[in-house]
Amino acid sequence: MNKIIYIKTLTRPSLTIENTRITPQSKLFTVERPSFQIIWHRPTGVLIEEENRTKVVPIWDVT
């Protein structure tokens, strides 16, 4: 049986400002059928790396 639902976490290219690297993260939700396809792509957070610290700042979906 083929999969019809896919969920994937994606990261986009990082942006470096002085000593801080910022990487956006998102979630991709896909439903595939022979006659149609549904794609929902939404931001989930931002990964912030500075010197010896790393933290994730979530992006809340209020809808």
PDB file of N, CA and C in Angstrom:
ATOM      1  N   MET A   1       0.844  -1.183   0.000  1.00  0.00           N
ATOM      2  CA  MET A   1       0.000   0.000   0.000  1.00  0.00           C
ATOM      3  C   MET A   1       0.890   1.247   0.000  1.00  0.00           C
ATOM      4  N   ASN A   2       0.601   2.174  -0.871  1.00  0.00           N
ATOM      5  CA  ASN A   2       1.378   3.407  -0.958  1.00  0.00           C
ATOM      6  C   ASN A   2       0.942   4.396   0.102  1.00  0.00           C
ATOM      7  N   LYS A   3       1.896   5.187   0.557  1.00  0.00           N
ATOM      8  CA  LYS A   3       1.565   6.246   1.508  1.00  0.00           C
ATOM      9  C   LYS A   3       0.798   7.348   0.793  1.00  0.00           C
ATOM     10  N   ILE A   4      -0.160   7.937   1.499  1.00  0.00           N
ATOM     11  CA  ILE A   4      -0.873   9.071   0.915  1.00  0.00           C
ATOM     12  C   ILE A   4      -0.674  10.341   1.734  1.00  0.00           C
ATOM     13  N   ILE A   5      -0.193  10.193   2.979  1.00  0.00           N
ATOM     14  CA  ILE A   5       0.030  11.358   3.835  1.00  0.00           C
ATOM     15  C   ILE A   5       1.510  11.446   4.178  1.00  0.00           C
ATOM     16  N   TYR A   6       2.094  12.617   3.953  1.00  0.00           N
ATOM     17  CA  TYR A   6       3.495  12.861   4.258  1.00  0.00           C
ATOM     18  C   TYR A   6       3.604  14.078   5.170  1.00  0.00           C
ATOM     19  N   ILE A   7       4.434  13.978   6.202  1.00  0.00           N
ATOM     20  CA  ILE A   7       4.730  15.117   7.067  1.00  0.00           C
ATOM     21  C   ILE A   7       6.244  15.231   7.143  1.00  0.00           C
ATOM     22  N   LYS A   8       6.755  16.412   6.845  1.00  0.00           N
ATOM     23  CA  LYS A   8       8.200  16.614   6.776  1.00  0.00           C
ATOM     24  C   LYS A   8       8.569  17.935   7.441  1.00  0.00           C
ATOM     25  N   THR A   9       9.663  17.943   8.207  1.00  0.00           N
ATOM     26  CA  THR A   9      10.190  19.173   8.792  1.00  0.00           C
ATOM     27  C   THR A   9      11.288  19.698   7.878  1.00  0.00           C
ATOM     28  N   LEU A  10      11.192  20.971   7.523  1.00  0.00           N
ATOM     29  CA  LEU A  10      12.144  21.586   6.601  1.00  0.00           C
ATOM     30  C   LEU A  10      12.892  22.727   7.273  1.00  0.00           C
ATOM     31  N   THR A  11      14.110  22.962   6.836  1.00  0.00           N
ATOM     32  CA  THR A  11      14.855  24.151   7.249  1.00  0.00           C
ATOM     33  C   THR A  11      15.235  24.919   5.996  1.00  0.00           C
ATOM     34  N   ARG A  12      15.275  26.215   6.106  1.00  0.00           N
ATOM     35  CA  ARG A  12      15.630  27.092   5.000  1.00  0.00           C
ATOM     36  C   ARG A  12      17.064  27.571   5.198  1.00  0.00           C
ATOM     37  N   PRO A  13      17.646  28.231   4.213  1.00  0.00           N
ATOM     38  CA  PRO A  13      19.015  28.724   4.368  1.00  0.00           C
ATOM     39  C   PRO A  13      19.140  29.674   5.561  1.00  0.00           C
ATOM     40  N   SER A  14      20.276  29.549   6.249  1.00  0.00           N
ATOM     41  CA  SER A  14      20.530  30.361   7.440  1.00  0.00           C
ATOM     42  C   SER A  14      20.952  31.769   7.073  1.00  0.00           C
ATOM     43  N   LEU A  15      20.707  32.668   8.015  1.00  0.00           N
ATOM     44  CA  LEU A  15      21.136  34.058   7.909  1.00  0.00           C
ATOM     45  C   LEU A  15      22.060  34.316   9.090  1.00  0.00           C
ATOM     46  N   THR A  16      23.262  34.836   8.832  1.00  0.00           N
ATOM     47  CA  THR A  16      24.214  35.118   9.898  1.00  0.00           C
ATOM     48  C   THR A  16      24.359  36.619  10.065  1.00  0.00           C
ATOM     49  N   ILE A  17      24.138  37.074  11.307  1.00  0.00           N
ATOM     50  CA  ILE A  17      24.291  38.481  11.662  1.00  0.00           C
ATOM     51  C   ILE A  17      25.255  38.531  12.833  1.00  0.00           C
ATOM     52  N   GLU A  18      26.420  39.142  12.612  1.00  0.00           N
ATOM     53  CA  GLU A  18      27.503  39.165  13.594  1.00  0.00           C
ATOM     54  C   GLU A  18      27.792  37.740  14.052  1.00  0.00           C
ATOM     55  N   ASN A  19      27.593  37.399  15.329  1.00  0.00           N
ATOM     56  CA  ASN A  19      27.900  36.052  15.828  1.00  0.00           C
ATOM     57  C   ASN A  19      26.659  35.183  15.980  1.00  0.00           C
ATOM     58  N   THR A  20      25.561  35.577  15.383  1.00  0.00           N
ATOM     59  CA  THR A  20      24.303  34.855  15.544  1.00  0.00           C
ATOM     60  C   THR A  20      23.855  34.282  14.203  1.00  0.00           C
ATOM     61  N   ARG A  21      23.527  32.981  14.220  1.00  0.00           N
ATOM     62  CA  ARG A  21      23.000  32.339  13.017  1.00  0.00           C
ATOM     63  C   ARG A  21      21.524  32.033  13.239  1.00  0.00           C
ATOM     64  N   ILE A  22      20.684  32.442  12.293  1.00  0.00           N
ATOM     65  CA  ILE A  22      19.234  32.286  12.384  1.00  0.00           C
ATOM     66  C   ILE A  22      18.778  31.371  11.245  1.00  0.00           C
ATOM     67  N   THR A  23      18.057  30.307  11.602  1.00  0.00           N
ATOM     68  CA  THR A  23      17.596  29.340  10.613  1.00  0.00           C
ATOM     69  C   THR A  23      16.088  29.145  10.749  1.00  0.00           C
ATOM     70  N   PRO A  24      15.301  29.526   9.739  1.00  0.00           N
ATOM     71  CA  PRO A  24      13.858  29.293   9.798  1.00  0.00           C
ATOM     72  C   PRO A  24      13.527  27.811   9.605  1.00  0.00           C
ATOM     73  N   GLN A  25      12.498  27.363  10.316  1.00  0.00           N
ATOM     74  CA  GLN A  25      12.036  25.985  10.209  1.00  0.00           C
ATOM     75  C   GLN A  25      10.555  25.978   9.859  1.00  0.00           C
ATOM     76  N   SER A  26      10.136  24.949   9.132  1.00  0.00           N
ATOM     77  CA  SER A  26       8.725  24.854   8.759  1.00  0.00           C
ATOM     78  C   SER A  26       8.307  23.394   8.701  1.00  0.00           C
ATOM     79  N   LYS A  27       7.008  23.180   8.624  1.00  0.00           N
ATOM     80  CA  LYS A  27       6.430  21.845   8.538  1.00  0.00           C
ATOM     81  C   LYS A  27       5.666  21.748   7.219  1.00  0.00           C
ATOM     82  N   LEU A  28       5.879  20.669   6.492  1.00  0.00           N
ATOM     83  CA  LEU A  28       5.198  20.424   5.226  1.00  0.00           C
ATOM     84  C   LEU A  28       4.272  19.224   5.406  1.00  0.00           C
ATOM     85  N   PHE A  29       2.995  19.426   5.142  1.00  0.00           N
ATOM     86  CA  PHE A  29       1.985  18.379   5.255  1.00  0.00           C
ATOM     87  C   PHE A  29       1.392  18.171   3.865  1.00  0.00           C
ATOM     88  N   THR A  30       1.471  16.944   3.360  1.00  0.00           N
ATOM     89  CA  THR A  30       1.009  16.652   2.003  1.00  0.00           C
ATOM     90  C   THR A  30       0.082  15.436   2.009  1.00  0.00           C
ATOM     91  N   VAL A  31      -1.022  15.547   1.286  1.00  0.00           N
ATOM     92  CA  VAL A  31      -1.928  14.422   1.045  1.00  0.00           C
ATOM     93  C   VAL A  31      -1.959  14.216  -0.464  1.00  0.00           C
ATOM     94  N   GLU A  32      -1.606  13.011  -0.903  1.00  0.00           N
ATOM     95  CA  GLU A  32      -1.552  12.727  -2.343  1.00  0.00           C
ATOM     96  C   GLU A  32      -2.520  11.604  -2.697  1.00  0.00           C
ATOM     97  N   ARG A  33      -3.342  11.870  -3.679  1.00  0.00           N
ATOM     98  CA  ARG A  33      -4.254  10.894  -4.257  1.00  0.00           C
ATOM     99  C   ARG A  33      -4.104  10.981  -5.774  1.00  0.00           C
ATOM    100  N   PRO A  34      -4.545   9.983  -6.509  1.00  0.00           N
ATOM    101  CA  PRO A  34      -4.409  10.051  -7.965  1.00  0.00           C
ATOM    102  C   PRO A  34      -5.124  11.246  -8.596  1.00  0.00           C
ATOM    103  N   SER A  35      -6.232  11.674  -8.007  1.00  0.00           N
ATOM    104  CA  SER A  35      -7.003  12.750  -8.633  1.00  0.00           C
ATOM    105  C   SER A  35      -6.757  14.136  -8.039  1.00  0.00           C
ATOM    106  N   PHE A  36      -6.048  14.224  -6.898  1.00  0.00           N
ATOM    107  CA  PHE A  36      -5.803  15.538  -6.295  1.00  0.00           C
ATOM    108  C   PHE A  36      -4.612  15.481  -5.345  1.00  0.00           C
ATOM    109  N   GLN A  37      -4.158  16.654  -4.946  1.00  0.00           N
ATOM    110  CA  GLN A  37      -3.063  16.777  -3.986  1.00  0.00           C
ATOM    111  C   GLN A  37      -3.328  17.993  -3.103  1.00  0.00           C
ATOM    112  N   ILE A  38      -3.148  17.836  -1.792  1.00  0.00           N
ATOM    113  CA  ILE A  38      -3.288  18.939  -0.846  1.00  0.00           C
ATOM    114  C   ILE A  38      -1.923  19.179  -0.217  1.00  0.00           C
ATOM    115  N   ILE A  39      -1.472  20.434  -0.225  1.00  0.00           N
ATOM    116  CA  ILE A  39      -0.189  20.798   0.372  1.00  0.00           C
ATOM    117  C   ILE A  39      -0.426  21.928   1.359  1.00  0.00           C
ATOM    118  N   TRP A  40       0.058  21.729   2.590  1.00  0.00           N
ATOM    119  CA  TRP A  40      -0.029  22.771   3.614  1.00  0.00           C
ATOM    120  C   TRP A  40       1.379  22.986   4.146  1.00  0.00           C
ATOM    121  N   HIS A  41       1.911  24.165   3.952  1.00  0.00           N
ATOM    122  CA  HIS A  41       3.278  24.501   4.328  1.00  0.00           C
ATOM    123  C   HIS A  41       3.215  25.676   5.283  1.00  0.00           C
ATOM    124  N   ARG A  42       3.682  25.496   6.539  1.00  0.00           N
ATOM    125  CA  ARG A  42       3.571  26.584   7.504  1.00  0.00           C
ATOM    126  C   ARG A  42       4.842  26.706   8.337  1.00  0.00           C
ATOM    127  N   PRO A  43       5.185  27.919   8.756  1.00  0.00           N
ATOM    128  CA  PRO A  43       6.360  28.103   9.613  1.00  0.00           C
ATOM    129  C   PRO A  43       6.089  27.544  11.010  1.00  0.00           C
ATOM    130  N   THR A  44       7.112  26.949  11.623  1.00  0.00           N
ATOM    131  CA  THR A  44       6.948  26.389  12.968  1.00  0.00           C
ATOM    132  C   THR A  44       7.874  27.024  13.987  1.00  0.00           C
ATOM    133  N   GLY A  45       9.013  27.557  13.548  1.00  0.00           N
ATOM    134  CA  GLY A  45       9.939  28.145  14.508  1.00  0.00           C
ATOM    135  C   GLY A  45      11.179  28.694  13.845  1.00  0.00           C
ATOM    136  N   VAL A  46      12.013  29.288  14.692  1.00  0.00           N
ATOM    137  CA  VAL A  46      13.285  29.836  14.242  1.00  0.00           C
ATOM    138  C   VAL A  46      14.367  29.290  15.165  1.00  0.00           C
ATOM    139  N   LEU A  47      15.388  28.668  14.594  1.00  0.00           N
ATOM    140  CA  LEU A  47      16.527  28.157  15.345  1.00  0.00           C
ATOM    141  C   LEU A  47      17.554  29.272  15.446  1.00  0.00           C
ATOM    142  N   ILE A  48      17.942  29.632  16.678  1.00  0.00           N
ATOM    143  CA  ILE A  48      18.899  30.716  16.899  1.00  0.00           C
ATOM    144  C   ILE A  48      20.136  30.130  17.565  1.00  0.00           C
ATOM    145  N   GLU A  49      21.287  30.291  16.912  1.00  0.00           N
ATOM    146  CA  GLU A  49      22.552  29.787  17.437  1.00  0.00           C
ATOM    147  C   GLU A  49      23.497  30.960  17.666  1.00  0.00           C
ATOM    148  N   GLU A  50      23.956  31.129  18.905  1.00  0.00           N
ATOM    149  CA  GLU A  50      24.949  32.146  19.210  1.00  0.00           C
ATOM    150  C   GLU A  50      25.983  31.549  20.137  1.00  0.00           C
ATOM    151  N   GLU A  51      27.246  31.679  19.745  1.00  0.00           N
ATOM    152  CA  GLU A  51      28.391  31.148  20.474  1.00  0.00           C
ATOM    153  C   GLU A  51      28.114  29.733  20.955  1.00  0.00           C
ATOM    154  N   ASN A  52      27.914  29.495  22.246  1.00  0.00           N
ATOM    155  CA  ASN A  52      27.721  28.134  22.759  1.00  0.00           C
ATOM    156  C   ASN A  52      26.268  27.831  23.101  1.00  0.00           C
ATOM    157  N   ARG A  53      25.339  28.658  22.646  1.00  0.00           N
ATOM    158  CA  ARG A  53      23.925  28.469  22.978  1.00  0.00           C
ATOM    159  C   ARG A  53      23.102  28.255  21.715  1.00  0.00           C
ATOM    160  N   THR A  54      22.128  27.377  21.831  1.00  0.00           N
ATOM    161  CA  THR A  54      21.179  27.140  20.746  1.00  0.00           C
ATOM    162  C   THR A  54      19.784  27.105  21.347  1.00  0.00           C
ATOM    163  N   LYS A  55      18.851  27.820  20.727  1.00  0.00           N
ATOM    164  CA  LYS A  55      17.468  27.766  21.197  1.00  0.00           C
ATOM    165  C   LYS A  55      16.527  27.849  20.006  1.00  0.00           C
ATOM    166  N   VAL A  56      15.331  27.329  20.209  1.00  0.00           N
ATOM    167  CA  VAL A  56      14.296  27.376  19.184  1.00  0.00           C
ATOM    168  C   VAL A  56      13.187  28.294  19.683  1.00  0.00           C
ATOM    169  N   VAL A  57      12.857  29.285  18.873  1.00  0.00           N
ATOM    170  CA  VAL A  57      11.756  30.193  19.183  1.00  0.00           C
ATOM    171  C   VAL A  57      10.569  29.743  18.333  1.00  0.00           C
ATOM    172  N   PRO A  58       9.511  29.228  18.963  1.00  0.00           N
ATOM    173  CA  PRO A  58       8.374  28.736  18.182  1.00  0.00           C
ATOM    174  C   PRO A  58       7.567  29.870  17.566  1.00  0.00           C
ATOM    175  N   ILE A  59       6.962  29.578  16.437  1.00  0.00           N
ATOM    176  CA  ILE A  59       6.017  30.487  15.792  1.00  0.00           C
ATOM    177  C   ILE A  59       4.644  29.855  15.991  1.00  0.00           C
ATOM    178  N   TRP A  60       3.793  30.491  16.775  1.00  0.00           N
ATOM    179  CA  TRP A  60       2.482  29.938  17.105  1.00  0.00           C
ATOM    180  C   TRP A  60       1.474  30.271  16.013  1.00  0.00           C
ATOM    181  N   ASP A  61       0.724  29.267  15.615  1.00  0.00           N
ATOM    182  CA  ASP A  61      -0.334  29.434  14.623  1.00  0.00           C
ATOM    183  C   ASP A  61      -1.630  29.733  15.368  1.00  0.00           C
ATOM    184  N   VAL A  62      -2.100  30.966  15.300  1.00  0.00           N
ATOM    185  CA  VAL A  62      -3.283  31.370  16.057  1.00  0.00           C
ATOM    186  C   VAL A  62      -4.582  31.173  15.277  1.00  0.00           C
ATOM    187  N   THR A  63      -4.492  30.643  14.054  1.00  0.00           N
ATOM    188  CA  THR A  63      -5.711  30.425  13.275  1.00  0.00           C
ATOM    189  C   THR A  63      -6.331  29.087  13.592  1.00  0.00           C
TER     190      THR A  63
END
